[in-house]
Protein backbone atom coordinates (compact mmCIF):
# COMPACT_ATOMS: atom_id res chain seq x y z
CA MET A 1 95.25 147.38 119.18
CA ALA A 2 97.46 144.21 118.45
CA GLU A 3 96.01 141.31 116.40
CA THR A 4 96.30 137.45 117.62
CA GLU A 5 98.76 135.62 115.02
CA PHE A 6 97.30 132.42 113.38
CA SER A 7 99.18 129.53 115.02
CA ALA A 8 99.48 126.34 112.95
CA ALA A 9 99.77 123.73 116.22
CA ALA A 10 97.13 125.37 118.06
CA ALA A 11 94.83 124.93 115.00
CA GLY A 12 95.97 120.89 116.04
CA GLY A 13 94.56 119.78 113.08
CA GLY A 14 94.63 121.26 109.09
CA LEU A 15 98.54 122.48 108.12
CA ALA A 16 99.90 121.48 112.24
CA ALA A 17 99.06 118.28 110.80
CA ALA A 18 100.27 118.27 107.12
CA LEU A 19 103.55 119.17 108.22
CA ARG A 20 103.90 116.73 110.88
CA THR A 21 102.54 113.76 108.48
CA HIS A 22 105.37 115.13 106.45
CA GLY A 23 108.34 116.54 108.32
CA VAL A 24 110.50 115.64 111.39
CA THR A 25 111.42 117.97 114.30
CA ARG A 26 114.69 119.02 114.57
CA THR A 27 116.91 120.69 117.16
CA PHE A 28 118.52 124.14 116.25
CA PRO A 29 121.14 125.75 118.69
CA ARG A 30 120.84 129.20 119.30
CA GLY A 31 122.35 131.16 116.73
CA HIS A 32 121.76 128.45 114.21
CA ALA A 33 120.05 129.83 111.34
CA LEU A 34 117.03 127.84 110.03
CA PHE A 35 117.40 128.96 106.68
CA THR A 36 119.47 132.27 104.81
CA GLU A 37 118.68 134.98 103.15
CA GLY A 38 118.50 133.69 98.90
CA ASP A 39 118.54 130.55 99.66
CA LEU A 40 115.92 128.25 97.83
CA GLY A 41 112.48 127.88 99.79
CA GLU A 42 113.30 123.58 100.07
CA ARG A 43 111.62 123.27 103.67
CA VAL A 44 108.90 124.68 105.29
CA PHE A 45 109.29 125.02 109.34
CA MET A 46 106.76 124.79 112.35
CA ILE A 47 108.33 126.21 115.34
CA GLU A 48 107.77 123.93 118.98
CA THR A 49 109.71 125.44 121.16
CA GLY A 50 112.26 128.49 121.09
CA TRP A 51 112.05 131.66 119.60
CA VAL A 52 113.06 132.48 116.03
CA THR A 53 114.41 135.63 114.38
CA LEU A 54 113.73 136.94 110.94
CA ARG A 55 115.90 139.49 109.79
CA SER A 56 117.35 140.87 106.90
CA ALA A 57 119.69 143.44 105.45
CA GLY A 58 119.74 146.95 105.07
CA PRO A 59 120.22 149.16 102.62
CA GLN A 60 123.35 150.45 104.24
CA GLY A 61 124.21 146.36 105.92
CA GLU A 62 122.66 147.18 109.13
CA GLU A 63 121.12 143.87 110.82
CA MET A 64 117.54 144.41 110.73
CA ILE A 65 114.40 142.44 113.04
CA LEU A 66 111.56 141.74 110.44
CA ALA A 67 109.46 139.19 113.23
CA LEU A 68 109.78 137.11 115.50
CA ARG A 69 107.77 134.14 115.71
CA GLY A 70 107.18 131.48 118.54
CA PRO A 71 106.13 128.09 119.59
CA GLY A 72 102.66 127.26 117.25
CA GLU A 73 104.18 129.08 114.48
CA VAL A 74 104.53 128.42 111.42
CA VAL A 75 108.14 129.93 109.18
CA GLY A 76 109.10 129.62 105.89
CA GLU A 77 105.98 129.04 104.19
CA MET A 78 105.91 130.95 101.43
CA SER A 79 108.30 128.27 100.09
CA ALA A 80 105.44 126.24 100.09
CA PHE A 81 103.66 129.00 97.81
CA ASP A 82 106.15 129.86 94.99
CA GLY A 83 109.79 128.27 95.99
CA SER A 84 110.82 131.58 95.62
CA PRO A 85 114.52 132.53 97.61
CA ARG A 86 113.91 133.33 101.39
CA THR A 87 113.47 137.15 101.79
CA ALA A 88 114.97 136.66 105.02
CA THR A 89 117.79 135.09 107.73
CA ALA A 90 115.32 132.66 110.31
CA LEU A 91 117.51 132.37 113.45
CA ALA A 92 117.01 130.79 116.62
CA VAL A 93 117.48 133.38 119.57
CA ASP A 94 117.41 130.15 122.09
CA GLU A 95 117.70 125.98 121.31
CA VAL A 96 114.81 125.45 119.11
CA GLN A 97 112.71 122.53 118.35
CA ALA A 98 110.83 122.57 115.15
CA VAL A 99 109.03 120.22 112.39
CA VAL A 100 110.98 120.74 109.33
CA ALA A 101 108.60 119.21 106.17
CA PRO A 102 110.01 119.67 102.42
CA ALA A 103 107.93 122.78 100.52
CA LYS A 104 106.76 120.32 97.57
CA SER A 105 104.96 117.62 100.07
CA VAL A 106 103.76 120.61 102.61
CA ALA A 107 102.61 122.58 98.91
CA ALA A 108 100.80 118.80 98.10
CA ALA A 109 98.71 118.50 100.96
CA LEU A 110 97.75 121.99 100.54
CA ALA A 111 96.36 121.43 97.15
CA GLN A 112 94.38 117.85 98.40
CA ASP A 113 92.82 119.15 101.99
CA VAL A 114 90.93 122.18 102.26
CA ASP A 115 92.32 122.19 105.95
CA ALA A 116 95.65 122.38 105.36
CA ALA A 117 94.34 125.36 102.88
CA ASN A 118 92.23 127.43 104.74
CA ASP A 119 95.22 127.60 107.89
CA PHE A 120 97.61 128.02 105.65
CA ALA A 121 95.85 131.09 103.88
CA ARG A 122 94.85 132.27 107.62
CA ILE A 123 98.83 132.54 107.61
CA LEU A 124 99.34 134.48 104.52
CA VAL A 125 96.84 136.93 105.93
CA ALA A 126 98.25 138.21 109.08
CA ARG A 127 101.72 137.99 107.86
CA LEU A 128 99.72 140.67 105.34
CA ARG A 129 98.51 142.74 107.67
CA GLU A 130 101.27 142.60 109.69
CA SER A 131 103.35 143.91 106.96
CA ASP A 132 100.50 146.72 106.30
CA ARG A 133 101.01 147.68 109.81
CA GLN A 134 104.13 147.63 110.52
CA ARG A 135 104.72 149.98 107.23
CA VAL A 136 102.22 152.54 108.97
CA GLU A 137 103.73 151.88 112.28
CA PHE A 138 107.05 153.16 111.10
CA THR A 139 105.56 156.45 109.35
CA VAL A 140 103.44 158.05 111.95
CA LEU A 141 104.50 156.56 115.16
CA ASP A 142 107.18 157.20 117.50
CA THR A 143 109.66 154.79 119.33
CA LEU A 144 107.21 154.90 122.22
CA ALA A 145 103.78 153.73 120.46
CA ARG A 146 106.09 151.05 118.53
CA VAL A 147 107.33 149.51 121.62
CA ALA A 148 103.93 149.47 123.18
CA ARG A 149 102.35 148.18 120.14
CA ARG A 150 104.42 145.05 120.26
CA LEU A 151 104.03 143.91 123.92
CA LEU A 152 100.92 144.31 122.96
CA ASP A 153 101.51 141.48 119.95
CA LEU A 154 103.41 139.25 122.22
CA ALA A 155 101.17 139.81 124.82
CA ASP A 156 98.39 138.35 122.45
CA ARG A 157 100.35 136.02 120.81
CA PHE A 158 102.05 134.22 123.76
CA GLY A 159 100.87 135.88 127.41
CA GLN A 160 100.33 133.92 130.09
CA PRO A 161 97.54 135.02 132.49
CA THR A 162 99.35 135.49 136.36
CA PRO A 163 98.11 137.57 139.18
CA ASP A 164 100.43 140.14 138.68
CA GLY A 165 99.39 140.71 134.97
CA ILE A 166 99.92 139.07 131.72
CA LYS A 167 103.77 137.56 131.56
CA VAL A 168 105.55 137.65 128.70
CA GLU A 169 108.83 135.49 127.60
CA LEU A 170 110.48 138.39 125.55
CA PRO A 171 113.76 136.18 124.28
CA LEU A 172 115.42 140.03 122.58
CA SER A 173 118.46 141.90 123.98
CA GLN A 174 117.25 145.59 124.51
CA GLU A 175 119.33 145.70 120.88
CA GLU A 176 117.48 143.51 119.36
CA LEU A 177 113.81 144.92 120.68
CA ALA A 178 115.64 148.51 119.37
CA SER A 179 115.87 146.98 116.01
CA TRP A 180 112.07 145.94 116.02
CA CYS A 181 110.84 148.53 116.56
CA GLY A 182 112.48 150.48 114.72
CA ALA A 183 114.01 152.31 116.54
CA SER A 184 117.34 153.50 118.31
CA ARG A 185 118.32 151.55 121.74
CA GLU A 186 118.40 154.50 123.67
CA ALA A 187 115.11 155.49 122.33
CA THR A 188 113.91 151.98 123.54
CA VAL A 189 114.92 152.10 126.56
CA LYS A 190 113.42 155.47 127.30
CA ALA A 191 110.38 153.81 125.93
CA LEU A 192 110.31 150.52 128.19
CA ARG A 193 111.30 152.87 131.26
CA THR A 194 108.11 155.25 130.39
CA LEU A 195 105.79 152.38 130.39
CA ARG A 196 107.38 151.03 134.06
CA GLU A 197 106.81 154.96 135.12
CA VAL A 198 102.88 154.83 134.04
CA GLY A 199 102.93 151.36 135.91
CA GLY A 200 101.61 149.45 132.45
CA ILE A 201 104.43 147.01 133.05
CA THR A 202 107.45 145.57 134.78
CA THR A 203 110.60 144.36 133.10
CA GLY A 204 112.78 141.36 134.57
CA ARG A 205 115.41 138.81 132.88
CA ARG A 206 113.97 137.92 129.45
CA VAL A 207 110.38 138.38 130.50
CA VAL A 208 107.43 141.75 130.61
CA THR A 209 104.67 141.58 132.63
CA LEU A 210 101.71 143.87 132.12
CA HIS A 211 99.78 144.86 134.69
CA ASP A 212 97.98 147.79 132.99
CA ARG A 213 97.00 146.76 129.37
CA GLU A 214 95.62 149.76 128.92
CA ALA A 215 98.13 151.91 129.71
CA LEU A 216 99.25 150.33 127.42
CA GLU A 217 96.78 150.42 124.09
CA ARG A 218 97.06 154.67 125.57
CA HIS A 219 100.57 155.32 124.18
CA ALA A 220 100.18 152.46 121.12
CA ARG A 221 97.89 155.10 119.87
CA VAL A 222 98.57 157.40 116.67
CA GLY A 223 99.12 160.77 118.21
């Protein structure tokens, strides 16, 4: 159902190595913006620990969560490609440690290192697929299906196998999860309750455990 996000850090070499060579590790406290919508794209970030949401202002000025990034993932990568202003704000959900590298240095490394360039291309493809997938979801899926898909996606990207199922850290409030799903808080709470009632998940503070993946996949389908 959900496709696994490419992780630069997990790849070990290529782009991760280039970022560590040209960058420095910085710590960002909870609530701190790594970059802000409209900023010039001068730096690329690779998350080592913690979580980052990508947010943008909606047509009525409301804040929308576009994506959630976690350990091993890269944010601000487009700045190494075109240097255009940021299209979203990257906000630390909790304390975040990230490797921060100048976009120009990363761009130079991409031009010289085939492995780094291939890693970068995989990230761009993953972002394109993610964007296409979300457009379809918002058009044809109800809230239950969207929530199920978000949980499956997080399980594929960050899930930890346990005797009880796949444990996934979920560092978002119910309001934030609702925003990420493009739904109301009430509809999102109802969807989580439904998934609990069918035995698909259990929820705790900042954690969701997937017990029955097939149940979530059934609810994640169109119709």
